[in-house]
Amino acid sequence: MRILIIEDEIRLAATLADLLEHAGYSASSVHNGPDGLTLAAGGGYDAVILDVMLPGMDGFQILRQLRADHTDTPVLMLTARSELPDRIRGLDAGADYYLTKPFENEELLACLRTILRRAGDTAGAPLRFSDITLCPETPALVCGGREIALSAKELELMRLLIVNQGQLLSKETLLLKVWGYDCPVNPNSVEAYMSFLRKKLTLLGSAVRIRAVRSLGYRLEETLEKEAAK
């Protein structure tokens, strides 16, 4: 799993990255708020470790923006502020866990496992967009009483498109999330699987389409015919 560390203390960020790598995670670090928001919003990470005090944009601002944009990546907030109002503020902003400094390494890893497990618990729930329902347990795509089976890669791509509906997902993000960081894969695989999904949406008679925006990525949209019928 890929973890993003947004922490302006460079030595602490490096220590956290080493800890995570030793625990079997893949870790990346960034040291200011705006860059952290850009990377976290890209959707290429399984969890974010987010410091509160950051240059350019604080952790609360980053978290509120992520949640406003429907980015549901689990977030573990780190701060030296231990007062109850600050903890409440972090949780209200959308944090999944709030850990105060100083902390033990095992405590941080346990908190990270907790928020990742919570995210996994919801992975099997049906997801809906417009007239389609994605059923991960089957796995299948359903529309108006019709159902069509999906491969594992098709399932994960469609899940990412629905969860991030309205947002463009880059090819690089999709490759990382579906095929993994170290997996050798042809970049054209994304286009191939998107073609498979488009054909299945057509077979279902769905009003949903997968739109490709040149050099930017993919997103789900409803056809004009569907919107006009509302």
C-alpha atoms as a PDB file:
ATOM      1  CA  MET A   1       0.000   0.000   0.000  1.00  0.00           C
ATOM      2  CA  ARG A   2       1.164   3.535  -0.785  1.00  0.00           C
ATOM      3  CA  ILE A   3       1.217   6.085   2.029  1.00  0.00           C
ATOM      4  CA  LEU A   4       1.658   9.852   1.550  1.00  0.00           C
ATOM      5  CA  ILE A   5       3.405  11.741   4.363  1.00  0.00           C
ATOM      6  CA  ILE A   6       2.674  15.493   4.480  1.00  0.00           C
ATOM      7  CA  GLU A   7       5.098  16.789   7.118  1.00  0.00           C
ATOM      8  CA  ASP A   8       7.271  19.925   7.076  1.00  0.00           C
ATOM      9  CA  GLU A   9       9.840  18.567   9.553  1.00  0.00           C
ATOM     10  CA  ILE A  10      12.127  16.897   7.025  1.00  0.00           C
ATOM     11  CA  ARG A  11      13.897  14.660   9.541  1.00  0.00           C
ATOM     12  CA  LEU A  12      10.601  13.453  11.009  1.00  0.00           C
ATOM     13  CA  ALA A  13       9.200  12.819   7.520  1.00  0.00           C
ATOM     14  CA  ALA A  14      12.276  10.746   6.650  1.00  0.00           C
ATOM     15  CA  THR A  15      11.972   8.795   9.911  1.00  0.00           C
ATOM     16  CA  LEU A  16       8.304   8.074   9.223  1.00  0.00           C
ATOM     17  CA  ALA A  17       9.105   6.982   5.666  1.00  0.00           C
ATOM     18  CA  ASP A  18      11.756   4.566   6.950  1.00  0.00           C
ATOM     19  CA  LEU A  19       9.328   3.206   9.554  1.00  0.00           C
ATOM     20  CA  LEU A  20       6.629   2.630   6.938  1.00  0.00           C
ATOM     21  CA  GLU A  21       9.008   1.051   4.436  1.00  0.00           C
ATOM     22  CA  HIS A  22      10.267  -1.319   7.141  1.00  0.00           C
ATOM     23  CA  ALA A  23       6.640  -2.234   7.916  1.00  0.00           C
ATOM     24  CA  GLY A  24       6.014  -3.159   4.283  1.00  0.00           C
ATOM     25  CA  TYR A  25       4.419   0.034   2.964  1.00  0.00           C
ATOM     26  CA  SER A  26       5.550   2.274   0.109  1.00  0.00           C
ATOM     27  CA  ALA A  27       5.994   5.839   1.393  1.00  0.00           C
ATOM     28  CA  SER A  28       6.359   9.239  -0.265  1.00  0.00           C
ATOM     29  CA  SER A  29       6.943  12.563   1.496  1.00  0.00           C
ATOM     30  CA  VAL A  30       6.111  16.180   0.767  1.00  0.00           C
ATOM     31  CA  HIS A  31       6.908  19.146   2.998  1.00  0.00           C
ATOM     32  CA  ASN A  32       4.339  21.892   2.365  1.00  0.00           C
ATOM     33  CA  GLY A  33       0.585  22.244   2.248  1.00  0.00           C
ATOM     34  CA  PRO A  34      -0.141  23.068  -1.419  1.00  0.00           C
ATOM     35  CA  ASP A  35       2.013  20.234  -2.786  1.00  0.00           C
ATOM     36  CA  GLY A  36       0.520  17.883  -0.222  1.00  0.00           C
ATOM     37  CA  LEU A  37      -3.012  18.763  -1.312  1.00  0.00           C
ATOM     38  CA  THR A  38      -2.148  18.218  -4.979  1.00  0.00           C
ATOM     39  CA  LEU A  39      -0.690  14.762  -4.349  1.00  0.00           C
ATOM     40  CA  ALA A  40      -3.406  13.668  -1.923  1.00  0.00           C
ATOM     41  CA  ALA A  41      -6.155  14.805  -4.302  1.00  0.00           C
ATOM     42  CA  GLY A  42      -4.614  12.775  -7.127  1.00  0.00           C
ATOM     43  CA  GLY A  43      -6.006   9.574  -5.647  1.00  0.00           C
ATOM     44  CA  GLY A  44      -2.798   7.559  -5.956  1.00  0.00           C
ATOM     45  CA  TYR A  45      -2.420   6.786  -2.240  1.00  0.00           C
ATOM     46  CA  ASP A  46      -4.122   4.351   0.126  1.00  0.00           C
ATOM     47  CA  ALA A  47      -3.720   6.627   3.162  1.00  0.00           C
ATOM     48  CA  VAL A  48      -2.312  10.030   4.138  1.00  0.00           C
ATOM     49  CA  ILE A  49      -0.341  10.942   7.258  1.00  0.00           C
ATOM     50  CA  LEU A  50      -1.024  14.667   7.623  1.00  0.00           C
ATOM     51  CA  ASP A  51       0.662  17.172   9.939  1.00  0.00           C
ATOM     52  CA  VAL A  52      -1.403  20.145  11.102  1.00  0.00           C
ATOM     53  CA  MET A  53       1.229  22.899  11.030  1.00  0.00           C
ATOM     54  CA  LEU A  54       2.407  23.239   7.430  1.00  0.00           C
ATOM     55  CA  PRO A  55       3.718  26.119   5.298  1.00  0.00           C
ATOM     56  CA  GLY A  56       1.364  27.465   2.653  1.00  0.00           C
ATOM     57  CA  MET A  57      -1.758  25.654   3.868  1.00  0.00           C
ATOM     58  CA  ASP A  58      -2.391  23.949   7.194  1.00  0.00           C
ATOM     59  CA  GLY A  59      -3.588  20.385   7.662  1.00  0.00           C
ATOM     60  CA  PHE A  60      -7.151  21.406   8.504  1.00  0.00           C
ATOM     61  CA  GLN A  61      -7.450  23.334   5.233  1.00  0.00           C
ATOM     62  CA  ILE A  62      -6.044  20.417   3.252  1.00  0.00           C
ATOM     63  CA  LEU A  63      -8.427  17.961   4.875  1.00  0.00           C
ATOM     64  CA  ARG A  64     -11.515  20.134   4.396  1.00  0.00           C
ATOM     65  CA  GLN A  65     -10.656  20.588   0.707  1.00  0.00           C
ATOM     66  CA  LEU A  66     -10.108  16.855   0.195  1.00  0.00           C
ATOM     67  CA  ARG A  67     -13.442  15.976   1.768  1.00  0.00           C
ATOM     68  CA  ALA A  68     -15.236  18.773  -0.117  1.00  0.00           C
ATOM     69  CA  ASP A  69     -13.884  17.246  -3.341  1.00  0.00           C
ATOM     70  CA  HIS A  70     -15.144  13.782  -2.251  1.00  0.00           C
ATOM     71  CA  THR A  71     -11.638  12.372  -1.818  1.00  0.00           C
ATOM     72  CA  ASP A  72     -12.230   9.612   0.729  1.00  0.00           C
ATOM     73  CA  THR A  73      -8.618   8.502   1.240  1.00  0.00           C
ATOM     74  CA  PRO A  74      -8.110   7.661   4.955  1.00  0.00           C
ATOM     75  CA  VAL A  75      -6.236  10.426   6.803  1.00  0.00           C
ATOM     76  CA  LEU A  76      -4.218  10.127  10.015  1.00  0.00           C
ATOM     77  CA  MET A  77      -3.534  13.596  11.458  1.00  0.00           C
ATOM     78  CA  LEU A  78      -0.370  14.341  13.442  1.00  0.00           C
ATOM     79  CA  THR A  79      -0.010  17.339  15.729  1.00  0.00           C
ATOM     80  CA  ALA A  80       1.604  18.601  18.893  1.00  0.00           C
ATOM     81  CA  ARG A  81      -1.768  20.081  19.876  1.00  0.00           C
ATOM     82  CA  SER A  82      -3.360  17.712  22.385  1.00  0.00           C
ATOM     83  CA  GLU A  83      -6.231  19.927  23.584  1.00  0.00           C
ATOM     84  CA  LEU A  84      -9.733  18.502  23.104  1.00  0.00           C
ATOM     85  CA  PRO A  85     -10.990  21.377  20.865  1.00  0.00           C
ATOM     86  CA  ASP A  86      -8.108  20.757  18.430  1.00  0.00           C
ATOM     87  CA  ARG A  87      -8.816  17.019  18.313  1.00  0.00           C
ATOM     88  CA  ILE A  88     -12.496  17.702  17.705  1.00  0.00           C
ATOM     89  CA  ARG A  89     -11.614  20.183  14.962  1.00  0.00           C
ATOM     90  CA  GLY A  90      -9.479  17.582  13.198  1.00  0.00           C
ATOM     91  CA  LEU A  91     -12.147  14.885  13.379  1.00  0.00           C
ATOM     92  CA  ASP A  92     -14.869  17.297  12.258  1.00  0.00           C
ATOM     93  CA  ALA A  93     -12.720  18.270   9.262  1.00  0.00           C
ATOM     94  CA  GLY A  94     -12.765  14.633   8.152  1.00  0.00           C
ATOM     95  CA  ALA A  95      -9.772  12.970   9.827  1.00  0.00           C
ATOM     96  CA  ASP A  96     -10.063   9.232  10.420  1.00  0.00           C
ATOM     97  CA  TYR A  97      -7.686   9.353  13.400  1.00  0.00           C
ATOM     98  CA  TYR A  98      -5.926  12.105  15.361  1.00  0.00           C
ATOM     99  CA  LEU A  99      -2.537  11.272  16.904  1.00  0.00           C
ATOM    100  CA  THR A 100      -0.639  13.735  19.097  1.00  0.00           C
ATOM    101  CA  LYS A 101       3.135  14.117  19.219  1.00  0.00           C
ATOM    102  CA  PRO A 102       5.230  12.582  20.659  1.00  0.00           C
ATOM    103  CA  PHE A 103       4.030   9.081  19.824  1.00  0.00           C
ATOM    104  CA  GLU A 104       5.481   5.586  19.767  1.00  0.00           C
ATOM    105  CA  ASN A 105       6.242   4.007  16.401  1.00  0.00           C
ATOM    106  CA  GLU A 106       4.026   1.002  17.119  1.00  0.00           C
ATOM    107  CA  GLU A 107       1.178   3.322  18.086  1.00  0.00           C
ATOM    108  CA  LEU A 108       1.362   5.099  14.722  1.00  0.00           C
ATOM    109  CA  LEU A 109       1.467   1.802  12.821  1.00  0.00           C
ATOM    110  CA  ALA A 110      -1.521   0.511  14.800  1.00  0.00           C
ATOM    111  CA  CYS A 111      -3.491   3.679  14.009  1.00  0.00           C
ATOM    112  CA  LEU A 112      -2.585   3.355  10.338  1.00  0.00           C
ATOM    113  CA  ARG A 113      -3.716  -0.283  10.254  1.00  0.00           C
ATOM    114  CA  THR A 114      -6.987   0.773  11.870  1.00  0.00           C
ATOM    115  CA  ILE A 115      -7.891   3.411   9.304  1.00  0.00           C
ATOM    116  CA  LEU A 116      -6.841   1.146   6.415  1.00  0.00           C
ATOM    117  CA  ARG A 117      -8.974  -1.656   7.839  1.00  0.00           C
ATOM    118  CA  ARG A 118     -11.982   0.668   8.134  1.00  0.00           C
ATOM    119  CA  ALA A 119     -11.556   1.655   4.490  1.00  0.00           C
ATOM    120  CA  GLY A 120     -11.380  -2.020   3.529  1.00  0.00           C
ATOM    121  CA  ASP A 121     -14.568  -2.824   5.442  1.00  0.00           C
ATOM    122  CA  THR A 122     -16.567  -0.653   3.038  1.00  0.00           C
ATOM    123  CA  ALA A 123     -14.896  -2.016  -0.104  1.00  0.00           C
ATOM    124  CA  GLY A 124     -17.557  -4.690  -0.624  1.00  0.00           C
ATOM    125  CA  ALA A 125     -20.563  -2.356  -0.410  1.00  0.00           C
ATOM    126  CA  PRO A 126     -22.504  -1.654  -3.646  1.00  0.00           C
ATOM    127  CA  LEU A 127     -21.669   1.659  -5.321  1.00  0.00           C
ATOM    128  CA  ARG A 128     -24.045   3.673  -7.489  1.00  0.00           C
ATOM    129  CA  PHE A 129     -23.719   6.324 -10.165  1.00  0.00           C
ATOM    130  CA  SER A 130     -26.670   7.448 -12.285  1.00  0.00           C
ATOM    131  CA  ASP A 131     -28.411   4.266 -13.513  1.00  0.00           C
ATOM    132  CA  ILE A 132     -25.618   1.777 -12.732  1.00  0.00           C
ATOM    133  CA  THR A 133     -24.806  -0.185  -9.587  1.00  0.00           C
ATOM    134  CA  LEU A 134     -21.408  -1.778  -9.017  1.00  0.00           C
ATOM    135  CA  CYS A 135     -21.601  -4.963  -6.929  1.00  0.00           C
ATOM    136  CA  PRO A 136     -18.045  -5.810  -5.759  1.00  0.00           C
ATOM    137  CA  GLU A 137     -18.950  -9.121  -4.134  1.00  0.00           C
ATOM    138  CA  THR A 138     -20.333 -10.623  -7.351  1.00  0.00           C
ATOM    139  CA  PRO A 139     -18.453  -8.862  -9.080  1.00  0.00           C
ATOM    140  CA  ALA A 140     -20.831  -7.347 -11.599  1.00  0.00           C
ATOM    141  CA  LEU A 141     -22.264  -4.166 -13.039  1.00  0.00           C
ATOM    142  CA  VAL A 142     -26.069  -3.806 -12.915  1.00  0.00           C
ATOM    143  CA  CYS A 143     -28.358  -1.488 -14.859  1.00  0.00           C
ATOM    144  CA  GLY A 144     -32.157  -1.637 -15.162  1.00  0.00           C
ATOM    145  CA  GLY A 145     -32.416  -5.320 -14.301  1.00  0.00           C
ATOM    146  CA  ARG A 146     -29.517  -6.302 -16.548  1.00  0.00           C
ATOM    147  CA  GLU A 147     -26.251  -7.598 -15.133  1.00  0.00           C
ATOM    148  CA  ILE A 148     -22.831  -8.170 -16.623  1.00  0.00           C
ATOM    149  CA  ALA A 149     -19.791  -9.775 -14.981  1.00  0.00           C
ATOM    150  CA  LEU A 150     -16.550  -7.861 -14.474  1.00  0.00           C
ATOM    151  CA  SER A 151     -12.954  -9.012 -14.261  1.00  0.00           C
ATOM    152  CA  ALA A 152     -10.881  -8.026 -11.211  1.00  0.00           C
ATOM    153  CA  LYS A 153      -9.201  -5.148 -13.072  1.00  0.00           C
ATOM    154  CA  GLU A 154     -12.499  -3.923 -14.542  1.00  0.00           C
ATOM    155  CA  LEU A 155     -14.032  -3.979 -11.062  1.00  0.00           C
ATOM    156  CA  GLU A 156     -11.262  -1.897  -9.526  1.00  0.00           C
ATOM    157  CA  LEU A 157     -11.233   0.624 -12.383  1.00  0.00           C
ATOM    158  CA  MET A 158     -14.992   1.090 -12.207  1.00  0.00           C
ATOM    159  CA  ARG A 159     -14.851   1.388  -8.416  1.00  0.00           C
ATOM    160  CA  LEU A 160     -12.270   4.178  -8.685  1.00  0.00           C
ATOM    161  CA  LEU A 161     -14.329   6.000 -11.317  1.00  0.00           C
ATOM    162  CA  ILE A 162     -17.496   5.846  -9.208  1.00  0.00           C
ATOM    163  CA  VAL A 163     -15.835   6.777  -5.916  1.00  0.00           C
ATOM    164  CA  ASN A 164     -14.137   9.736  -7.622  1.00  0.00           C
ATOM    165  CA  GLN A 165     -17.143  10.689  -9.759  1.00  0.00           C
ATOM    166  CA  GLY A 166     -16.796  14.124 -11.282  1.00  0.00           C
ATOM    167  CA  GLN A 167     -13.017  14.084 -10.915  1.00  0.00           C
ATOM    168  CA  LEU A 168     -10.466  13.284 -13.580  1.00  0.00           C
ATOM    169  CA  LEU A 169      -8.277  10.279 -12.763  1.00  0.00           C
ATOM    170  CA  SER A 170      -4.965  10.273 -14.592  1.00  0.00           C
ATOM    171  CA  LYS A 171      -3.581   7.203 -16.327  1.00  0.00           C
ATOM    172  CA  GLU A 172      -0.658   7.243 -13.883  1.00  0.00           C
ATOM    173  CA  THR A 173      -3.017   7.191 -10.889  1.00  0.00           C
ATOM    174  CA  LEU A 174      -5.035   4.316 -12.325  1.00  0.00           C
ATOM    175  CA  LEU A 175      -1.895   2.311 -13.078  1.00  0.00           C
ATOM    176  CA  LEU A 176      -0.635   2.772  -9.521  1.00  0.00           C
ATOM    177  CA  LYS A 177      -3.959   1.991  -7.833  1.00  0.00           C
ATOM    178  CA  VAL A 178      -4.966  -0.988  -9.980  1.00  0.00           C
ATOM    179  CA  TRP A 179      -1.702  -2.583 -11.104  1.00  0.00           C
ATOM    180  CA  GLY A 180       0.566  -1.461  -8.260  1.00  0.00           C
ATOM    181  CA  TYR A 181       3.760   0.525  -7.924  1.00  0.00           C
ATOM    182  CA  ASP A 182       6.250  -2.232  -8.789  1.00  0.00           C
ATOM    183  CA  CYS A 183       4.197  -4.207 -11.312  1.00  0.00           C
ATOM    184  CA  PRO A 184       5.580  -4.073 -14.882  1.00  0.00           C
ATOM    185  CA  VAL A 185       2.628  -3.178 -17.076  1.00  0.00           C
ATOM    186  CA  ASN A 186       2.067  -1.709 -20.516  1.00  0.00           C
ATOM    187  CA  PRO A 187       0.694   1.878 -20.135  1.00  0.00           C
ATOM    188  CA  ASN A 188      -1.807   1.029 -22.893  1.00  0.00           C
ATOM    189  CA  SER A 189      -3.476  -1.418 -20.501  1.00  0.00           C
ATOM    190  CA  VAL A 190      -5.590   1.418 -19.077  1.00  0.00           C
ATOM    191  CA  GLU A 191      -6.983   2.274 -22.517  1.00  0.00           C
ATOM    192  CA  ALA A 192      -7.663  -1.410 -23.215  1.00  0.00           C
ATOM    193  CA  TYR A 193      -9.619  -1.944 -20.010  1.00  0.00           C
ATOM    194  CA  MET A 194     -11.511   1.326 -20.429  1.00  0.00           C
ATOM    195  CA  SER A 195     -12.569   0.031 -23.851  1.00  0.00           C
ATOM    196  CA  PHE A 196     -13.820  -3.194 -22.243  1.00  0.00           C
ATOM    197  CA  LEU A 197     -15.838  -1.205 -19.698  1.00  0.00           C
ATOM    198  CA  ARG A 198     -17.324   1.081 -22.351  1.00  0.00           C
ATOM    199  CA  LYS A 199     -18.542  -1.953 -24.313  1.00  0.00           C
ATOM    200  CA  LYS A 200     -20.130  -3.419 -21.195  1.00  0.00           C
ATOM    201  CA  LEU A 201     -21.895  -0.143 -20.386  1.00  0.00           C
ATOM    202  CA  THR A 202     -23.281  -0.128 -23.944  1.00  0.00           C
ATOM    203  CA  LEU A 203     -24.454  -3.742 -23.631  1.00  0.00           C
ATOM    204  CA  LEU A 204     -26.275  -2.828 -20.412  1.00  0.00           C
ATOM    205  CA  GLY A 205     -28.021   0.075 -22.149  1.00  0.00           C
ATOM    206  CA  SER A 206     -26.668   2.494 -19.541  1.00  0.00           C
ATOM    207  CA  ALA A 207     -26.701   6.259 -19.887  1.00  0.00           C
ATOM    208  CA  VAL A 208     -23.269   6.348 -18.233  1.00  0.00           C
ATOM    209  CA  ARG A 209     -20.190   6.897 -20.346  1.00  0.00           C
ATOM    210  CA  ILE A 210     -16.476   6.945 -19.594  1.00  0.00           C
ATOM    211  CA  ARG A 211     -15.026  10.169 -20.920  1.00  0.00           C
ATOM    212  CA  ALA A 212     -11.335  10.479 -21.763  1.00  0.00           C
ATOM    213  CA  VAL A 213      -9.886  13.991 -21.523  1.00  0.00           C
ATOM    214  CA  ARG A 214      -6.700  14.159 -23.554  1.00  0.00           C
ATOM    215  CA  SER A 215      -3.537  14.260 -21.434  1.00  0.00           C
ATOM    216  CA  LEU A 216      -5.591  14.582 -18.232  1.00  0.00           C
ATOM    217  CA  GLY A 217      -7.438  11.344 -17.542  1.00  0.00           C
ATOM    218  CA  TYR A 218     -10.840   9.681 -17.276  1.00  0.00           C
ATOM    219  CA  ARG A 219     -14.133  10.322 -15.515  1.00  0.00           C
ATOM    220  CA  LEU A 220     -17.728   9.076 -15.535  1.00  0.00           C
ATOM    221  CA  GLU A 221     -20.466  11.163 -17.154  1.00  0.00           C
ATOM    222  CA  GLU A 222     -24.135  10.848 -18.012  1.00  0.00           C
ATOM    223  CA  THR A 223     -25.200  11.229 -21.620  1.00  0.00           C
ATOM    224  CA  LEU A 224     -27.220  14.272 -22.631  1.00  0.00           C
ATOM    225  CA  GLU A 225     -30.179  12.021 -23.397  1.00  0.00           C
ATOM    226  CA  LYS A 226     -30.256  10.850 -19.790  1.00  0.00           C
ATOM    227  CA  GLU A 227     -29.945  14.377 -18.410  1.00  0.00           C
ATOM    228  CA  ALA A 228     -32.705  15.645 -20.718  1.00  0.00           C
ATOM    229  CA  ALA A 229     -35.032  12.882 -19.525  1.00  0.00           C
ATOM    230  CA  LYS A 230     -34.806  13.971 -15.871  1.00  0.00           C
END
